[in-house]
Amino acid sequence: MQRRQKQVQPTDLKMRAIGAVVREFRKRAGHSQERLSGECGFDRTYISRVERGIINPTVGRLWQIADALETPLSQLAKRMELWVADQVRMPSRRGDAKRT
């Protein structure tokens, strides 16, 4: 039996910010990944990979996500900027500062 490969976790704060904010707004709207993906016309795994920071969605796709969440794209972008700023200010659990 073949071992499952460990997934690579993103280190880029901006990629992580996209995922964290999409997840935050999705949960706030009470949507599952499946429901959001259906409303956007995406596969559920696409939303999952966005939220984990594995892939970088295009602006067009982010706009579709924002529309499905009934949120202006500018509000998502502003929250992403604040998320990154919060991460830079807070030291990581290991005691070293995170970088952008």
N, C-alpha and C. Protein backbone atom coordinates (compact mmCIF):
# COMPACT_ATOMS: atom_id res chain seq x y z
N MET A 1 0.84 -1.18 0.00
CA MET A 1 0.00 0.00 0.00
C MET A 1 0.88 1.24 0.00
N GLN A 2 0.54 2.18 -0.85
CA GLN A 2 1.34 3.38 -0.99
C GLN A 2 0.96 4.40 0.08
N ARG A 3 1.97 5.04 0.65
CA ARG A 3 1.73 6.07 1.66
C ARG A 3 1.24 7.35 1.01
N ARG A 4 0.35 8.00 1.68
CA ARG A 4 -0.16 9.28 1.19
C ARG A 4 0.90 10.35 1.43
N GLN A 5 1.16 11.14 0.39
CA GLN A 5 2.16 12.19 0.53
C GLN A 5 1.62 13.32 1.40
N LYS A 6 2.51 13.88 2.19
CA LYS A 6 2.14 15.02 3.03
C LYS A 6 1.92 16.23 2.13
N GLN A 7 0.83 16.95 2.40
CA GLN A 7 0.53 18.12 1.59
C GLN A 7 1.44 19.27 1.98
N VAL A 8 1.85 20.03 0.98
CA VAL A 8 2.69 21.18 1.20
C VAL A 8 1.82 22.32 1.70
N GLN A 9 2.22 22.92 2.80
CA GLN A 9 1.48 24.04 3.35
C GLN A 9 2.11 25.34 2.86
N PRO A 10 1.29 26.29 2.43
CA PRO A 10 1.82 27.54 1.90
C PRO A 10 2.49 28.36 3.00
N THR A 11 3.55 29.04 2.63
CA THR A 11 4.24 29.92 3.57
C THR A 11 4.02 31.39 3.24
N ASP A 12 3.58 31.68 2.03
CA ASP A 12 3.35 33.05 1.60
C ASP A 12 2.12 33.61 2.30
N LEU A 13 2.29 34.68 3.06
CA LEU A 13 1.19 35.25 3.82
C LEU A 13 0.03 35.72 2.94
N LYS A 14 0.34 36.24 1.78
CA LYS A 14 -0.71 36.75 0.92
C LYS A 14 -1.58 35.61 0.38
N MET A 15 -0.97 34.48 0.06
CA MET A 15 -1.74 33.31 -0.37
C MET A 15 -2.60 32.79 0.78
N ARG A 16 -2.03 32.76 1.97
CA ARG A 16 -2.77 32.30 3.14
C ARG A 16 -3.91 33.26 3.47
N ALA A 17 -3.70 34.56 3.24
CA ALA A 17 -4.72 35.56 3.53
C ALA A 17 -5.95 35.35 2.65
N ILE A 18 -5.74 35.06 1.38
CA ILE A 18 -6.87 34.82 0.49
C ILE A 18 -7.73 33.69 1.04
N GLY A 19 -7.09 32.59 1.38
CA GLY A 19 -7.82 31.44 1.89
C GLY A 19 -8.51 31.70 3.21
N ALA A 20 -7.80 32.35 4.12
CA ALA A 20 -8.38 32.62 5.44
C ALA A 20 -9.60 33.52 5.33
N VAL A 21 -9.54 34.51 4.47
CA VAL A 21 -10.64 35.45 4.34
C VAL A 21 -11.82 34.81 3.60
N VAL A 22 -11.55 34.03 2.56
CA VAL A 22 -12.65 33.34 1.87
C VAL A 22 -13.35 32.41 2.86
N ARG A 23 -12.58 31.67 3.65
CA ARG A 23 -13.18 30.76 4.65
C ARG A 23 -14.00 31.56 5.67
N GLU A 24 -13.43 32.65 6.16
CA GLU A 24 -14.12 33.49 7.15
C GLU A 24 -15.47 33.98 6.61
N PHE A 25 -15.48 34.53 5.40
CA PHE A 25 -16.71 35.05 4.82
C PHE A 25 -17.68 33.94 4.47
N ARG A 26 -17.17 32.79 4.03
CA ARG A 26 -18.04 31.66 3.71
C ARG A 26 -18.76 31.17 4.95
N LYS A 27 -18.01 31.02 6.04
CA LYS A 27 -18.62 30.55 7.28
C LYS A 27 -19.61 31.58 7.83
N ARG A 28 -19.24 32.85 7.74
CA ARG A 28 -20.13 33.92 8.20
C ARG A 28 -21.45 33.89 7.43
N ALA A 29 -21.39 33.55 6.14
CA ALA A 29 -22.59 33.47 5.31
C ALA A 29 -23.36 32.18 5.56
N GLY A 30 -22.76 31.25 6.31
CA GLY A 30 -23.42 29.97 6.60
C GLY A 30 -23.38 28.99 5.44
N HIS A 31 -22.40 29.15 4.56
CA HIS A 31 -22.27 28.27 3.40
C HIS A 31 -21.26 27.16 3.69
N SER A 32 -21.51 26.00 3.13
CA SER A 32 -20.51 24.94 3.10
C SER A 32 -19.63 25.17 1.87
N GLN A 33 -18.51 24.48 1.82
CA GLN A 33 -17.67 24.59 0.62
C GLN A 33 -18.46 24.12 -0.60
N GLU A 34 -19.24 23.08 -0.41
CA GLU A 34 -20.02 22.54 -1.52
C GLU A 34 -21.05 23.54 -2.03
N ARG A 35 -21.74 24.19 -1.12
CA ARG A 35 -22.75 25.18 -1.53
C ARG A 35 -22.09 26.36 -2.24
N LEU A 36 -21.00 26.86 -1.68
CA LEU A 36 -20.30 27.98 -2.30
C LEU A 36 -19.80 27.61 -3.69
N SER A 37 -19.20 26.44 -3.79
CA SER A 37 -18.68 26.02 -5.09
C SER A 37 -19.80 25.88 -6.11
N GLY A 38 -20.95 25.37 -5.67
CA GLY A 38 -22.08 25.23 -6.58
C GLY A 38 -22.59 26.58 -7.07
N GLU A 39 -22.64 27.55 -6.17
CA GLU A 39 -23.10 28.88 -6.55
C GLU A 39 -22.12 29.58 -7.49
N CYS A 40 -20.84 29.22 -7.37
CA CYS A 40 -19.81 29.82 -8.23
C CYS A 40 -19.61 29.05 -9.53
N GLY A 41 -20.06 27.80 -9.55
CA GLY A 41 -19.83 26.96 -10.71
C GLY A 41 -18.46 26.29 -10.69
N PHE A 42 -17.86 26.18 -9.50
CA PHE A 42 -16.55 25.56 -9.33
C PHE A 42 -16.72 24.18 -8.70
N ASP A 43 -15.69 23.39 -8.78
CA ASP A 43 -15.64 22.13 -8.06
C ASP A 43 -15.38 22.42 -6.59
N ARG A 44 -15.91 21.61 -5.68
CA ARG A 44 -15.69 21.83 -4.26
C ARG A 44 -14.22 21.81 -3.90
N THR A 45 -13.44 20.97 -4.58
CA THR A 45 -12.02 20.90 -4.27
C THR A 45 -11.30 22.20 -4.62
N TYR A 46 -11.83 22.95 -5.58
CA TYR A 46 -11.24 24.25 -5.92
C TYR A 46 -11.35 25.19 -4.73
N ILE A 47 -12.54 25.27 -4.13
CA ILE A 47 -12.74 26.13 -2.96
C ILE A 47 -11.85 25.66 -1.82
N SER A 48 -11.75 24.37 -1.64
CA SER A 48 -10.89 23.82 -0.58
C SER A 48 -9.43 24.24 -0.78
N ARG A 49 -8.96 24.15 -2.00
CA ARG A 49 -7.56 24.52 -2.28
C ARG A 49 -7.33 26.02 -2.13
N VAL A 50 -8.34 26.83 -2.48
CA VAL A 50 -8.24 28.28 -2.27
C VAL A 50 -8.11 28.56 -0.78
N GLU A 51 -9.00 27.94 0.00
CA GLU A 51 -9.02 28.19 1.44
C GLU A 51 -7.74 27.73 2.14
N ARG A 52 -7.10 26.71 1.61
CA ARG A 52 -5.85 26.23 2.20
C ARG A 52 -4.63 26.99 1.68
N GLY A 53 -4.85 27.91 0.74
CA GLY A 53 -3.74 28.69 0.20
C GLY A 53 -2.89 27.92 -0.78
N ILE A 54 -3.42 26.83 -1.32
CA ILE A 54 -2.67 25.99 -2.26
C ILE A 54 -2.65 26.62 -3.64
N ILE A 55 -3.77 27.23 -4.03
CA ILE A 55 -3.84 27.86 -5.35
C ILE A 55 -4.20 29.33 -5.20
N ASN A 56 -3.84 30.10 -6.20
CA ASN A 56 -4.07 31.53 -6.23
C ASN A 56 -5.16 31.81 -7.26
N PRO A 57 -6.39 32.13 -6.80
CA PRO A 57 -7.47 32.35 -7.77
C PRO A 57 -7.27 33.65 -8.54
N THR A 58 -7.79 33.67 -9.75
CA THR A 58 -7.74 34.91 -10.54
C THR A 58 -8.70 35.92 -9.92
N VAL A 59 -8.57 37.17 -10.32
CA VAL A 59 -9.48 38.20 -9.84
C VAL A 59 -10.91 37.88 -10.26
N GLY A 60 -11.08 37.37 -11.46
CA GLY A 60 -12.41 36.99 -11.94
C GLY A 60 -13.05 35.94 -11.06
N ARG A 61 -12.28 34.97 -10.65
CA ARG A 61 -12.83 33.91 -9.78
C ARG A 61 -13.09 34.44 -8.37
N LEU A 62 -12.21 35.31 -7.88
CA LEU A 62 -12.47 35.93 -6.58
C LEU A 62 -13.75 36.75 -6.62
N TRP A 63 -13.98 37.40 -7.75
CA TRP A 63 -15.18 38.19 -7.90
C TRP A 63 -16.42 37.29 -7.87
N GLN A 64 -16.33 36.12 -8.51
CA GLN A 64 -17.44 35.16 -8.48
C GLN A 64 -17.71 34.70 -7.05
N ILE A 65 -16.64 34.46 -6.31
CA ILE A 65 -16.79 34.04 -4.91
C ILE A 65 -17.45 35.15 -4.10
N ALA A 66 -16.98 36.38 -4.29
CA ALA A 66 -17.55 37.53 -3.57
C ALA A 66 -19.04 37.69 -3.91
N ASP A 67 -19.37 37.55 -5.18
CA ASP A 67 -20.78 37.66 -5.59
C ASP A 67 -21.63 36.58 -4.92
N ALA A 68 -21.12 35.35 -4.89
CA ALA A 68 -21.85 34.25 -4.27
C ALA A 68 -22.04 34.48 -2.77
N LEU A 69 -21.09 35.18 -2.17
CA LEU A 69 -21.17 35.49 -0.74
C LEU A 69 -21.89 36.81 -0.48
N GLU A 70 -22.37 37.43 -1.57
CA GLU A 70 -23.07 38.71 -1.49
C GLU A 70 -22.24 39.75 -0.73
N THR A 71 -20.97 39.81 -1.11
CA THR A 71 -20.01 40.72 -0.49
C THR A 71 -19.25 41.44 -1.59
N PRO A 72 -19.04 42.74 -1.47
CA PRO A 72 -18.23 43.44 -2.47
C PRO A 72 -16.79 42.89 -2.48
N LEU A 73 -16.23 42.78 -3.65
CA LEU A 73 -14.85 42.30 -3.78
C LEU A 73 -13.91 43.19 -2.97
N SER A 74 -14.19 44.49 -2.95
CA SER A 74 -13.34 45.42 -2.21
C SER A 74 -13.31 45.09 -0.71
N GLN A 75 -14.43 44.58 -0.19
CA GLN A 75 -14.47 44.20 1.22
C GLN A 75 -13.60 42.98 1.49
N LEU A 76 -13.61 42.02 0.57
CA LEU A 76 -12.72 40.86 0.70
C LEU A 76 -11.26 41.31 0.67
N ALA A 77 -10.93 42.19 -0.29
CA ALA A 77 -9.55 42.65 -0.43
C ALA A 77 -9.09 43.41 0.82
N LYS A 78 -9.94 44.26 1.36
CA LYS A 78 -9.58 45.02 2.57
C LYS A 78 -9.33 44.07 3.74
N ARG A 79 -10.17 43.06 3.87
CA ARG A 79 -10.00 42.10 4.97
C ARG A 79 -8.71 41.30 4.79
N MET A 80 -8.34 41.00 3.54
CA MET A 80 -7.08 40.29 3.28
C MET A 80 -5.90 41.14 3.74
N GLU A 81 -5.94 42.43 3.42
CA GLU A 81 -4.86 43.33 3.85
C GLU A 81 -4.75 43.37 5.37
N LEU A 82 -5.89 43.46 6.04
CA LEU A 82 -5.88 43.49 7.51
C LEU A 82 -5.37 42.17 8.09
N TRP A 83 -5.73 41.05 7.46
CA TRP A 83 -5.29 39.74 7.92
C TRP A 83 -3.76 39.65 7.86
N VAL A 84 -3.19 40.09 6.74
CA VAL A 84 -1.72 40.06 6.59
C VAL A 84 -1.08 40.95 7.64
N ALA A 85 -1.61 42.15 7.84
CA ALA A 85 -1.05 43.07 8.83
C ALA A 85 -1.10 42.47 10.23
N ASP A 86 -2.20 41.80 10.56
CA ASP A 86 -2.31 41.14 11.87
C ASP A 86 -1.26 40.05 12.03
N GLN A 87 -1.02 39.28 10.98
CA GLN A 87 -0.05 38.19 11.04
C GLN A 87 1.38 38.71 11.20
N VAL A 88 1.66 39.83 10.57
CA VAL A 88 3.01 40.41 10.65
C VAL A 88 3.25 40.96 12.06
N ARG A 89 2.22 41.54 12.65
CA ARG A 89 2.35 42.11 14.00
C ARG A 89 2.47 41.03 15.07
N MET A 90 1.78 39.91 14.89
CA MET A 90 1.78 38.86 15.91
C MET A 90 2.94 37.89 15.66
N PRO A 91 3.72 37.59 16.69
CA PRO A 91 4.76 36.58 16.51
C PRO A 91 4.12 35.21 16.35
N SER A 92 4.79 34.34 15.62
CA SER A 92 4.26 32.98 15.43
C SER A 92 4.36 32.19 16.73
N ARG A 93 3.79 31.02 16.73
CA ARG A 93 3.80 30.18 17.93
C ARG A 93 5.20 29.76 18.35
N ARG A 94 6.09 29.72 17.39
CA ARG A 94 7.47 29.31 17.70
C ARG A 94 8.32 30.48 18.17
N GLY A 95 7.76 31.68 18.16
CA GLY A 95 8.50 32.84 18.65
C GLY A 95 9.19 33.64 17.58
N ASP A 96 9.20 33.17 16.34
CA ASP A 96 9.83 33.95 15.27
C ASP A 96 8.76 34.72 14.52
N ALA A 97 9.10 35.89 14.04
CA ALA A 97 8.14 36.74 13.33
C ALA A 97 7.88 36.18 11.94
N LYS A 98 6.64 36.28 11.49
CA LYS A 98 6.28 35.85 10.14
C LYS A 98 6.60 36.95 9.16
N ARG A 99 6.93 36.55 7.94
CA ARG A 99 7.30 37.51 6.91
C ARG A 99 6.31 37.46 5.78
N THR A 100 6.24 38.57 5.02
CA THR A 100 5.39 38.61 3.82
C THR A 100 6.18 38.18 2.63
